[in-house]
């Protein structure tokens, strides 16, 4: 689980394919982390859409 914390902190579009697969697995196993990650990414999406 320790190596997955960086997957959760890193910008989703900066993940490589292997990291993205691992992140999806973590989200399936730990629903509370999936929700936290969604909330973390939401402001980023809002600001990127304003550009």
C-alpha atoms as a PDB file:
ATOM      1  CA  UNK A   1       0.000   0.000   0.000  1.00  0.00           C
ATOM      2  CA  UNK A   2       2.923   2.380   0.612  1.00  0.00           C
ATOM      3  CA  UNK A   3       3.859   2.607  -3.056  1.00  0.00           C
ATOM      4  CA  UNK A   4       0.282   3.462  -4.018  1.00  0.00           C
ATOM      5  CA  UNK A   5       0.172   6.744  -2.101  1.00  0.00           C
ATOM      6  CA  UNK A   6       2.108   8.428  -4.910  1.00  0.00           C
ATOM      7  CA  UNK A   7      -0.408   7.154  -7.427  1.00  0.00           C
ATOM      8  CA  UNK A   8      -3.141   8.872  -5.464  1.00  0.00           C
ATOM      9  CA  UNK A   9      -1.190  12.116  -5.165  1.00  0.00           C
ATOM     10  CA  UNK A  10       0.073  12.314  -8.723  1.00  0.00           C
ATOM     11  CA  UNK A  11      -1.986  14.025 -11.431  1.00  0.00           C
ATOM     12  CA  UNK A  12      -4.034  11.382 -13.172  1.00  0.00           C
ATOM     13  CA  UNK A  13      -2.923  12.469 -16.647  1.00  0.00           C
ATOM     14  CA  UNK A  14       0.749  12.095 -15.618  1.00  0.00           C
ATOM     15  CA  UNK A  15       0.411   8.389 -14.836  1.00  0.00           C
ATOM     16  CA  UNK A  16       1.853   5.845 -17.212  1.00  0.00           C
ATOM     17  CA  UNK A  17      -0.196   2.823 -18.270  1.00  0.00           C
ATOM     18  CA  UNK A  18       1.116   0.546 -15.506  1.00  0.00           C
ATOM     19  CA  UNK A  19       0.475   3.157 -12.822  1.00  0.00           C
ATOM     20  CA  UNK A  20      -2.999   3.824 -14.177  1.00  0.00           C
ATOM     21  CA  UNK A  21      -3.873   0.122 -13.996  1.00  0.00           C
ATOM     22  CA  UNK A  22      -2.588  -0.057 -10.435  1.00  0.00           C
ATOM     23  CA  UNK A  23      -4.605   3.033  -9.485  1.00  0.00           C
ATOM     24  CA  UNK A  24      -7.760   1.470 -10.914  1.00  0.00           C
ATOM     25  CA  UNK A  25      -7.114  -1.682  -8.864  1.00  0.00           C
ATOM     26  CA  UNK A  26      -6.651   0.369  -5.694  1.00  0.00           C
ATOM     27  CA  UNK A  27      -9.875   2.272  -6.395  1.00  0.00           C
ATOM     28  CA  UNK A  28     -11.785  -0.995  -6.796  1.00  0.00           C
ATOM     29  CA  UNK A  29     -10.421  -2.433  -3.551  1.00  0.00           C
ATOM     30  CA  UNK A  30     -10.668   0.690  -1.396  1.00  0.00           C
ATOM     31  CA  UNK A  31     -13.804   2.647  -2.176  1.00  0.00           C
ATOM     32  CA  UNK A  32     -13.007   5.378   0.358  1.00  0.00           C
ATOM     33  CA  UNK A  33      -9.717   6.048  -1.474  1.00  0.00           C
ATOM     34  CA  UNK A  34     -11.562   6.139  -4.791  1.00  0.00           C
ATOM     35  CA  UNK A  35     -13.903   8.795  -3.406  1.00  0.00           C
ATOM     36  CA  UNK A  36     -10.982  10.777  -1.979  1.00  0.00           C
ATOM     37  CA  UNK A  37      -9.177  10.657  -5.320  1.00  0.00           C
ATOM     38  CA  UNK A  38     -12.296  11.818  -7.164  1.00  0.00           C
ATOM     39  CA  UNK A  39     -12.621  14.773  -4.790  1.00  0.00           C
ATOM     40  CA  UNK A  40      -8.945  15.620  -5.255  1.00  0.00           C
ATOM     41  CA  UNK A  41      -9.234  15.639  -9.047  1.00  0.00           C
ATOM     42  CA  UNK A  42     -12.488  17.625  -9.227  1.00  0.00           C
ATOM     43  CA  UNK A  43     -10.970  21.128  -8.652  1.00  0.00           C
ATOM     44  CA  UNK A  44      -8.209  20.365 -11.155  1.00  0.00           C
ATOM     45  CA  UNK A  45     -10.806  19.502 -13.803  1.00  0.00           C
ATOM     46  CA  UNK A  46     -12.758  22.670 -13.078  1.00  0.00           C
ATOM     47  CA  UNK A  47      -9.689  24.903 -13.444  1.00  0.00           C
ATOM     48  CA  UNK A  48      -8.451  23.119 -16.558  1.00  0.00           C
ATOM     49  CA  UNK A  49     -11.829  23.512 -18.245  1.00  0.00           C
ATOM     50  CA  UNK A  50     -11.733  27.281 -17.639  1.00  0.00           C
ATOM     51  CA  UNK A  51      -8.564  27.662 -19.712  1.00  0.00           C
END
